[in-house]
Amino acid sequence: MASPPTSLDGIATDIADRQLRRNLASSLAPNTFTGRVLSPTLSDVSDLPTLDTAGNALRDHVLRHSVRRGQFTLKSGATSTWFLDTKQTACRPDGIIAVADALLAIIPDDATAIGGLTMGADPVAFGVAAVAATRGRDLRSFSVRKEAKDHGVTGRLAGALDPDDRVVIVEDTTTRGTSLLEAVEVVRAFGAEVVFASVIVDRGTTCTQLCSDAGVHYAPLLTATDLGFEPGT
């Protein structure tokens, strides 16, 4: 049996480790939609990559609220043993603060607007812009419609985007990267410059290369590996 920690730092580390184990176990609770759930293993916790403070806080929230294990059919038609609903993080007050803490630390200082394809990007863009405003940072937010609107304010863009903006494109989750790149194309056609792109979780293997080929600096806040899963599964 391990000796109990004696220093304050040791006690804090021990508490954080036990909390992460409880949170991961909670994220693996039975899913009402699948009926079969895989059991957690020690390696699910001990083998997770090391992240910075903001990344750890965000991962903790995602594991508690956004990850489910079982048998699922994804949008692509592929099957998976885990399901990711990061809106459960982006749409909670403590979750969007965790997203904002991680994202605002890495986006360019001269970025002026944030948005992406509705509706995956909406809670991320709107929430991060609101949190940024409380910290003295001005980021206007916008949304890219999936289809052009033919009445009122027409086109695919809705919100406070200007042609000379330096734009951050966001999404809640990506597997292939197509939604991010679609938003990039619409924003560029409008005349604004895309300076950065990010997602809460990249569960796939292709988005980095797609963004590189499009000339977009891309950095996800978390990857499948960070959550203890194989990318692309």
C-alpha atoms as a PDB file:
ATOM      1  CA  MET A   1       0.000   0.000   0.000  1.00  0.00           C
ATOM      2  CA  ALA A   2       1.330   3.427  -0.949  1.00  0.00           C
ATOM      3  CA  SER A   3       2.247   5.832   1.861  1.00  0.00           C
ATOM      4  CA  PRO A   4      -0.119   8.773   2.292  1.00  0.00           C
ATOM      5  CA  PRO A   5       1.194  12.093   0.947  1.00  0.00           C
ATOM      6  CA  THR A   6       2.607  14.435   3.555  1.00  0.00           C
ATOM      7  CA  SER A   7       3.145  17.721   1.717  1.00  0.00           C
ATOM      8  CA  LEU A   8       0.410  20.066   0.529  1.00  0.00           C
ATOM      9  CA  ASP A   9       1.503  19.506  -3.082  1.00  0.00           C
ATOM     10  CA  GLY A  10       1.384  15.750  -2.549  1.00  0.00           C
ATOM     11  CA  ILE A  11      -2.064  15.931  -0.996  1.00  0.00           C
ATOM     12  CA  ALA A  12      -3.337  18.104  -3.859  1.00  0.00           C
ATOM     13  CA  THR A  13      -1.888  15.704  -6.438  1.00  0.00           C
ATOM     14  CA  ASP A  14      -3.466  12.735  -4.660  1.00  0.00           C
ATOM     15  CA  ILE A  15      -6.865  14.451  -4.540  1.00  0.00           C
ATOM     16  CA  ALA A  16      -6.659  15.393  -8.223  1.00  0.00           C
ATOM     17  CA  ASP A  17      -5.726  11.829  -9.181  1.00  0.00           C
ATOM     18  CA  ARG A  18      -8.620  10.333  -7.204  1.00  0.00           C
ATOM     19  CA  GLN A  19     -11.027  12.907  -8.670  1.00  0.00           C
ATOM     20  CA  LEU A  20      -9.930  12.053 -12.214  1.00  0.00           C
ATOM     21  CA  ARG A  21     -10.500   8.347 -11.527  1.00  0.00           C
ATOM     22  CA  ARG A  22     -14.003   9.060 -10.209  1.00  0.00           C
ATOM     23  CA  ASN A  23     -14.773  11.312 -13.170  1.00  0.00           C
ATOM     24  CA  LEU A  24     -13.564   8.761 -15.708  1.00  0.00           C
ATOM     25  CA  ALA A  25     -15.611   6.036 -14.041  1.00  0.00           C
ATOM     26  CA  SER A  26     -18.645   8.353 -14.190  1.00  0.00           C
ATOM     27  CA  SER A  27     -18.084   8.939 -17.911  1.00  0.00           C
ATOM     28  CA  LEU A  28     -18.283   5.190 -18.442  1.00  0.00           C
ATOM     29  CA  ALA A  29     -21.714   4.841 -16.787  1.00  0.00           C
ATOM     30  CA  PRO A  30     -24.330   2.814 -18.692  1.00  0.00           C
ATOM     31  CA  ASN A  31     -25.709   4.621 -21.727  1.00  0.00           C
ATOM     32  CA  THR A  32     -29.471   4.443 -22.052  1.00  0.00           C
ATOM     33  CA  PHE A  33     -29.222   4.320 -25.834  1.00  0.00           C
ATOM     34  CA  THR A  34     -26.949   1.302 -26.232  1.00  0.00           C
ATOM     35  CA  GLY A  35     -27.538  -1.165 -23.418  1.00  0.00           C
ATOM     36  CA  ARG A  36     -23.915  -2.355 -23.370  1.00  0.00           C
ATOM     37  CA  VAL A  37     -21.060  -0.475 -21.777  1.00  0.00           C
ATOM     38  CA  LEU A  38     -17.401  -1.391 -21.510  1.00  0.00           C
ATOM     39  CA  SER A  39     -15.812  -1.491 -18.067  1.00  0.00           C
ATOM     40  CA  PRO A  40     -13.117   1.049 -17.148  1.00  0.00           C
ATOM     41  CA  THR A  41      -9.554  -0.178 -16.708  1.00  0.00           C
ATOM     42  CA  LEU A  42      -6.652   1.303 -14.806  1.00  0.00           C
ATOM     43  CA  SER A  43      -4.832   1.984 -18.072  1.00  0.00           C
ATOM     44  CA  ASP A  44      -7.675   4.296 -19.102  1.00  0.00           C
ATOM     45  CA  VAL A  45      -6.452   6.674 -16.384  1.00  0.00           C
ATOM     46  CA  SER A  46      -2.744   6.012 -15.991  1.00  0.00           C
ATOM     47  CA  ASP A  47      -1.887   6.110 -19.698  1.00  0.00           C
ATOM     48  CA  LEU A  48      -3.478   9.470 -20.482  1.00  0.00           C
ATOM     49  CA  PRO A  49      -1.012  11.992 -21.959  1.00  0.00           C
ATOM     50  CA  THR A  50       0.212  14.878 -19.825  1.00  0.00           C
ATOM     51  CA  LEU A  51      -1.544  18.192 -20.495  1.00  0.00           C
ATOM     52  CA  ASP A  52      -1.172  21.696 -19.117  1.00  0.00           C
ATOM     53  CA  THR A  53      -3.510  23.019 -16.418  1.00  0.00           C
ATOM     54  CA  ALA A  54      -6.158  24.307 -18.829  1.00  0.00           C
ATOM     55  CA  GLY A  55      -6.008  21.125 -20.898  1.00  0.00           C
ATOM     56  CA  ASN A  56      -6.381  18.946 -17.817  1.00  0.00           C
ATOM     57  CA  ALA A  57      -9.416  20.907 -16.643  1.00  0.00           C
ATOM     58  CA  LEU A  58     -11.046  20.655 -20.070  1.00  0.00           C
ATOM     59  CA  ARG A  59     -10.299  16.936 -20.387  1.00  0.00           C
ATOM     60  CA  ASP A  60     -11.734  16.334 -16.934  1.00  0.00           C
ATOM     61  CA  HIS A  61     -14.976  18.049 -17.957  1.00  0.00           C
ATOM     62  CA  VAL A  62     -15.199  16.230 -21.279  1.00  0.00           C
ATOM     63  CA  LEU A  63     -14.673  12.848 -19.613  1.00  0.00           C
ATOM     64  CA  ARG A  64     -17.336  13.611 -17.018  1.00  0.00           C
ATOM     65  CA  HIS A  65     -19.994  15.022 -19.323  1.00  0.00           C
ATOM     66  CA  SER A  66     -19.283  14.354 -22.996  1.00  0.00           C
ATOM     67  CA  VAL A  67     -17.877  10.830 -23.391  1.00  0.00           C
ATOM     68  CA  ARG A  68     -19.959   7.658 -23.430  1.00  0.00           C
ATOM     69  CA  ARG A  69     -18.841   4.079 -24.025  1.00  0.00           C
ATOM     70  CA  GLY A  70     -20.889   1.404 -25.722  1.00  0.00           C
ATOM     71  CA  GLN A  71     -21.830   0.528 -29.295  1.00  0.00           C
ATOM     72  CA  PHE A  72     -22.635   3.476 -31.544  1.00  0.00           C
ATOM     73  CA  THR A  73     -23.162   4.225 -35.232  1.00  0.00           C
ATOM     74  CA  LEU A  74     -21.460   7.487 -36.189  1.00  0.00           C
ATOM     75  CA  LYS A  75     -22.653  10.071 -38.717  1.00  0.00           C
ATOM     76  CA  SER A  76     -20.225   8.599 -41.252  1.00  0.00           C
ATOM     77  CA  GLY A  77     -21.918   5.208 -40.884  1.00  0.00           C
ATOM     78  CA  ALA A  78     -18.935   3.678 -39.117  1.00  0.00           C
ATOM     79  CA  THR A  79     -19.388   1.960 -35.761  1.00  0.00           C
ATOM     80  CA  SER A  80     -17.507   2.938 -32.622  1.00  0.00           C
ATOM     81  CA  THR A  81     -17.202   1.856 -29.008  1.00  0.00           C
ATOM     82  CA  TRP A  82     -17.257   5.446 -27.794  1.00  0.00           C
ATOM     83  CA  PHE A  83     -19.454   8.439 -28.448  1.00  0.00           C
ATOM     84  CA  LEU A  84     -18.544  12.078 -28.029  1.00  0.00           C
ATOM     85  CA  ASP A  85     -21.140  14.800 -27.445  1.00  0.00           C
ATOM     86  CA  THR A  86     -18.999  17.836 -26.680  1.00  0.00           C
ATOM     87  CA  LYS A  87     -22.047  20.097 -26.593  1.00  0.00           C
ATOM     88  CA  GLN A  88     -22.450  18.639 -23.108  1.00  0.00           C
ATOM     89  CA  THR A  89     -19.265  20.540 -22.286  1.00  0.00           C
ATOM     90  CA  ALA A  90     -19.719  23.636 -24.469  1.00  0.00           C
ATOM     91  CA  CYS A  91     -23.285  24.227 -23.250  1.00  0.00           C
ATOM     92  CA  ARG A  92     -22.520  24.055 -19.520  1.00  0.00           C
ATOM     93  CA  PRO A  93     -21.233  27.185 -17.726  1.00  0.00           C
ATOM     94  CA  ASP A  94     -18.215  25.489 -16.171  1.00  0.00           C
ATOM     95  CA  GLY A  95     -17.576  23.667 -19.431  1.00  0.00           C
ATOM     96  CA  ILE A  96     -17.493  26.736 -21.677  1.00  0.00           C
ATOM     97  CA  ILE A  97     -15.182  28.469 -19.215  1.00  0.00           C
ATOM     98  CA  ALA A  98     -12.839  25.474 -19.468  1.00  0.00           C
ATOM     99  CA  VAL A  99     -13.048  25.685 -23.272  1.00  0.00           C
ATOM    100  CA  ALA A 100     -12.369  29.434 -23.183  1.00  0.00           C
ATOM    101  CA  ASP A 101      -9.407  29.029 -20.831  1.00  0.00           C
ATOM    102  CA  ALA A 102      -7.784  26.559 -23.201  1.00  0.00           C
ATOM    103  CA  LEU A 103      -8.678  28.308 -26.460  1.00  0.00           C
ATOM    104  CA  LEU A 104      -7.889  31.901 -25.493  1.00  0.00           C
ATOM    105  CA  ALA A 105      -4.413  30.770 -24.462  1.00  0.00           C
ATOM    106  CA  ILE A 106      -3.523  29.625 -27.979  1.00  0.00           C
ATOM    107  CA  ILE A 107      -5.379  31.766 -30.521  1.00  0.00           C
ATOM    108  CA  PRO A 108      -3.507  34.713 -32.064  1.00  0.00           C
ATOM    109  CA  ASP A 109      -3.610  37.930 -30.045  1.00  0.00           C
ATOM    110  CA  ASP A 110      -4.720  39.891 -33.108  1.00  0.00           C
ATOM    111  CA  ALA A 111      -7.743  37.683 -33.860  1.00  0.00           C
ATOM    112  CA  THR A 112     -10.897  39.785 -34.076  1.00  0.00           C
ATOM    113  CA  ALA A 113     -13.721  37.308 -34.737  1.00  0.00           C
ATOM    114  CA  ILE A 114     -14.644  33.715 -33.960  1.00  0.00           C
ATOM    115  CA  GLY A 115     -17.217  31.407 -35.547  1.00  0.00           C
ATOM    116  CA  GLY A 116     -17.867  28.376 -37.694  1.00  0.00           C
ATOM    117  CA  LEU A 117     -20.474  26.117 -39.244  1.00  0.00           C
ATOM    118  CA  THR A 118     -23.792  25.949 -37.398  1.00  0.00           C
ATOM    119  CA  MET A 119     -24.579  24.344 -35.105  1.00  0.00           C
ATOM    120  CA  GLY A 120     -21.459  22.594 -33.923  1.00  0.00           C
ATOM    121  CA  ALA A 121     -19.509  25.828 -33.777  1.00  0.00           C
ATOM    122  CA  ASP A 122     -22.220  28.011 -32.266  1.00  0.00           C
ATOM    123  CA  PRO A 123     -21.907  27.329 -28.516  1.00  0.00           C
ATOM    124  CA  VAL A 124     -18.118  27.372 -28.783  1.00  0.00           C
ATOM    125  CA  ALA A 125     -17.914  30.650 -30.702  1.00  0.00           C
ATOM    126  CA  PHE A 126     -20.625  32.498 -28.798  1.00  0.00           C
ATOM    127  CA  GLY A 127     -19.482  31.236 -25.406  1.00  0.00           C
ATOM    128  CA  VAL A 128     -15.777  31.926 -25.910  1.00  0.00           C
ATOM    129  CA  ALA A 129     -16.503  35.413 -27.261  1.00  0.00           C
ATOM    130  CA  ALA A 130     -18.597  36.184 -24.176  1.00  0.00           C
ATOM    131  CA  VAL A 131     -15.943  34.892 -21.771  1.00  0.00           C
ATOM    132  CA  ALA A 132     -13.251  36.812 -23.672  1.00  0.00           C
ATOM    133  CA  ALA A 133     -15.223  40.042 -23.246  1.00  0.00           C
ATOM    134  CA  THR A 134     -15.145  39.646 -19.452  1.00  0.00           C
ATOM    135  CA  ARG A 135     -11.354  39.458 -19.711  1.00  0.00           C
ATOM    136  CA  GLY A 136     -10.910  42.606 -21.766  1.00  0.00           C
ATOM    137  CA  ARG A 137     -10.558  40.852 -25.103  1.00  0.00           C
ATOM    138  CA  ASP A 138     -12.805  41.754 -28.030  1.00  0.00           C
ATOM    139  CA  LEU A 139     -13.854  38.856 -30.227  1.00  0.00           C
ATOM    140  CA  ARG A 140     -16.985  39.285 -32.295  1.00  0.00           C
ATOM    141  CA  SER A 141     -18.859  36.072 -33.051  1.00  0.00           C
ATOM    142  CA  PHE A 142     -20.694  34.767 -36.089  1.00  0.00           C
ATOM    143  CA  SER A 143     -22.232  31.636 -37.551  1.00  0.00           C
ATOM    144  CA  VAL A 144     -21.994  30.033 -40.990  1.00  0.00           C
ATOM    145  CA  ARG A 145     -25.340  28.730 -42.181  1.00  0.00           C
ATOM    146  CA  LYS A 146     -25.433  25.325 -43.846  1.00  0.00           C
ATOM    147  CA  GLU A 147     -27.445  26.829 -46.698  1.00  0.00           C
ATOM    148  CA  ALA A 148     -27.722  30.365 -48.029  1.00  0.00           C
ATOM    149  CA  LYS A 149     -30.687  32.394 -46.800  1.00  0.00           C
ATOM    150  CA  ASP A 150     -32.732  33.980 -49.607  1.00  0.00           C
ATOM    151  CA  HIS A 151     -34.559  36.637 -47.579  1.00  0.00           C
ATOM    152  CA  GLY A 152     -33.716  39.283 -45.004  1.00  0.00           C
ATOM    153  CA  VAL A 153     -29.950  39.285 -44.457  1.00  0.00           C
ATOM    154  CA  THR A 154     -29.115  36.883 -47.257  1.00  0.00           C
ATOM    155  CA  GLY A 155     -26.179  34.543 -47.722  1.00  0.00           C
ATOM    156  CA  ARG A 156     -24.574  32.032 -45.421  1.00  0.00           C
ATOM    157  CA  LEU A 157     -23.111  34.342 -42.792  1.00  0.00           C
ATOM    158  CA  ALA A 158     -24.997  35.486 -39.699  1.00  0.00           C
ATOM    159  CA  GLY A 159     -23.521  37.598 -36.956  1.00  0.00           C
ATOM    160  CA  ALA A 160     -20.852  40.234 -36.478  1.00  0.00           C
ATOM    161  CA  LEU A 161     -18.261  39.432 -39.137  1.00  0.00           C
ATOM    162  CA  ASP A 162     -16.491  42.126 -41.174  1.00  0.00           C
ATOM    163  CA  PRO A 163     -14.500  41.616 -44.381  1.00  0.00           C
ATOM    164  CA  ASP A 164     -11.253  42.791 -42.773  1.00  0.00           C
ATOM    165  CA  ASP A 165     -11.525  40.492 -39.738  1.00  0.00           C
ATOM    166  CA  ARG A 166      -8.828  38.050 -38.653  1.00  0.00           C
ATOM    167  CA  VAL A 167     -10.875  34.974 -37.923  1.00  0.00           C
ATOM    168  CA  VAL A 168     -10.703  31.922 -35.686  1.00  0.00           C
ATOM    169  CA  ILE A 169     -12.768  29.010 -37.047  1.00  0.00           C
ATOM    170  CA  VAL A 170     -14.076  26.604 -34.416  1.00  0.00           C
ATOM    171  CA  GLU A 171     -16.144  23.440 -34.069  1.00  0.00           C
ATOM    172  CA  ASP A 172     -17.163  21.320 -31.098  1.00  0.00           C
ATOM    173  CA  THR A 173     -15.919  17.997 -32.496  1.00  0.00           C
ATOM    174  CA  THR A 174     -14.359  16.850 -35.743  1.00  0.00           C
ATOM    175  CA  THR A 175     -13.600  13.454 -37.213  1.00  0.00           C
ATOM    176  CA  ARG A 176     -12.656  14.325 -40.794  1.00  0.00           C
ATOM    177  CA  GLY A 177     -12.381  18.130 -40.777  1.00  0.00           C
ATOM    178  CA  THR A 178     -14.865  18.859 -43.539  1.00  0.00           C
ATOM    179  CA  SER A 179     -17.065  21.211 -41.499  1.00  0.00           C
ATOM    180  CA  LEU A 180     -14.074  23.328 -40.491  1.00  0.00           C
ATOM    181  CA  LEU A 181     -12.892  23.607 -44.078  1.00  0.00           C
ATOM    182  CA  GLU A 182     -16.385  24.471 -45.325  1.00  0.00           C
ATOM    183  CA  ALA A 183     -16.509  27.370 -42.854  1.00  0.00           C
ATOM    184  CA  VAL A 184     -13.016  28.449 -43.922  1.00  0.00           C
ATOM    185  CA  GLU A 185     -14.132  28.656 -47.559  1.00  0.00           C
ATOM    186  CA  VAL A 186     -17.223  30.739 -46.751  1.00  0.00           C
ATOM    187  CA  VAL A 187     -15.277  33.175 -44.568  1.00  0.00           C
ATOM    188  CA  ARG A 188     -12.556  33.597 -47.170  1.00  0.00           C
ATOM    189  CA  ALA A 189     -15.128  34.181 -49.905  1.00  0.00           C
ATOM    190  CA  PHE A 190     -16.546  36.970 -47.743  1.00  0.00           C
ATOM    191  CA  GLY A 191     -13.130  38.629 -47.670  1.00  0.00           C
ATOM    192  CA  ALA A 192     -11.998  37.908 -44.120  1.00  0.00           C
ATOM    193  CA  GLU A 193      -8.714  36.211 -43.235  1.00  0.00           C
ATOM    194  CA  VAL A 194      -8.685  32.878 -41.395  1.00  0.00           C
ATOM    195  CA  VAL A 195      -5.758  32.923 -38.977  1.00  0.00           C
ATOM    196  CA  PHE A 196      -6.484  29.881 -36.801  1.00  0.00           C
ATOM    197  CA  ALA A 197      -8.789  26.890 -36.447  1.00  0.00           C
ATOM    198  CA  SER A 198      -9.556  24.665 -33.478  1.00  0.00           C
ATOM    199  CA  VAL A 199     -12.023  22.150 -32.058  1.00  0.00           C
ATOM    200  CA  ILE A 200     -12.739  20.944 -28.541  1.00  0.00           C
ATOM    201  CA  VAL A 201     -11.908  17.356 -29.548  1.00  0.00           C
ATOM    202  CA  ASP A 202     -10.414  15.984 -32.751  1.00  0.00           C
ATOM    203  CA  ARG A 203     -11.284  12.292 -32.746  1.00  0.00           C
ATOM    204  CA  GLY A 204      -9.953  11.611 -36.241  1.00  0.00           C
ATOM    205  CA  THR A 205      -6.726  11.562 -38.212  1.00  0.00           C
ATOM    206  CA  THR A 206      -7.288  13.801 -41.242  1.00  0.00           C
ATOM    207  CA  CYS A 207      -8.123  17.323 -40.072  1.00  0.00           C
ATOM    208  CA  THR A 208      -4.544  18.402 -39.416  1.00  0.00           C
ATOM    209  CA  GLN A 209      -3.483  17.573 -42.972  1.00  0.00           C
ATOM    210  CA  LEU A 210      -6.616  19.090 -44.524  1.00  0.00           C
ATOM    211  CA  CYS A 211      -6.028  22.369 -42.702  1.00  0.00           C
ATOM    212  CA  SER A 212      -2.347  22.363 -43.610  1.00  0.00           C
ATOM    213  CA  ASP A 213      -3.215  21.846 -47.281  1.00  0.00           C
ATOM    214  CA  ALA A 214      -5.652  24.787 -47.032  1.00  0.00           C
ATOM    215  CA  GLY A 215      -3.046  27.027 -45.407  1.00  0.00           C
ATOM    216  CA  VAL A 216      -4.817  27.129 -42.038  1.00  0.00           C
ATOM    217  CA  HIS A 217      -2.987  26.940 -38.716  1.00  0.00           C
ATOM    218  CA  TYR A 218      -4.872  24.243 -36.796  1.00  0.00           C
ATOM    219  CA  ALA A 219      -4.563  23.050 -33.202  1.00  0.00           C
ATOM    220  CA  PRO A 220      -7.260  20.998 -31.439  1.00  0.00           C
ATOM    221  CA  LEU A 221      -7.755  21.520 -27.714  1.00  0.00           C
ATOM    222  CA  LEU A 222      -7.951  17.750 -27.169  1.00  0.00           C
ATOM    223  CA  THR A 223      -7.450  14.650 -29.302  1.00  0.00           C
ATOM    224  CA  ALA A 224      -8.818  11.125 -29.071  1.00  0.00           C
ATOM    225  CA  THR A 225      -5.450  10.091 -27.631  1.00  0.00           C
ATOM    226  CA  ASP A 226      -5.762  12.674 -24.858  1.00  0.00           C
ATOM    227  CA  LEU A 227      -9.023  10.976 -23.836  1.00  0.00           C
ATOM    228  CA  GLY A 228      -7.561   7.469 -23.907  1.00  0.00           C
ATOM    229  CA  PHE A 229      -8.925   6.344 -27.296  1.00  0.00           C
ATOM    230  CA  GLU A 230      -7.378   5.415 -30.626  1.00  0.00           C
ATOM    231  CA  PRO A 231      -7.704   8.221 -33.201  1.00  0.00           C
ATOM    232  CA  GLY A 232     -10.198   7.461 -35.927  1.00  0.00           C
ATOM    233  CA  THR A 233     -12.081   4.823 -33.935  1.00  0.00           C
END
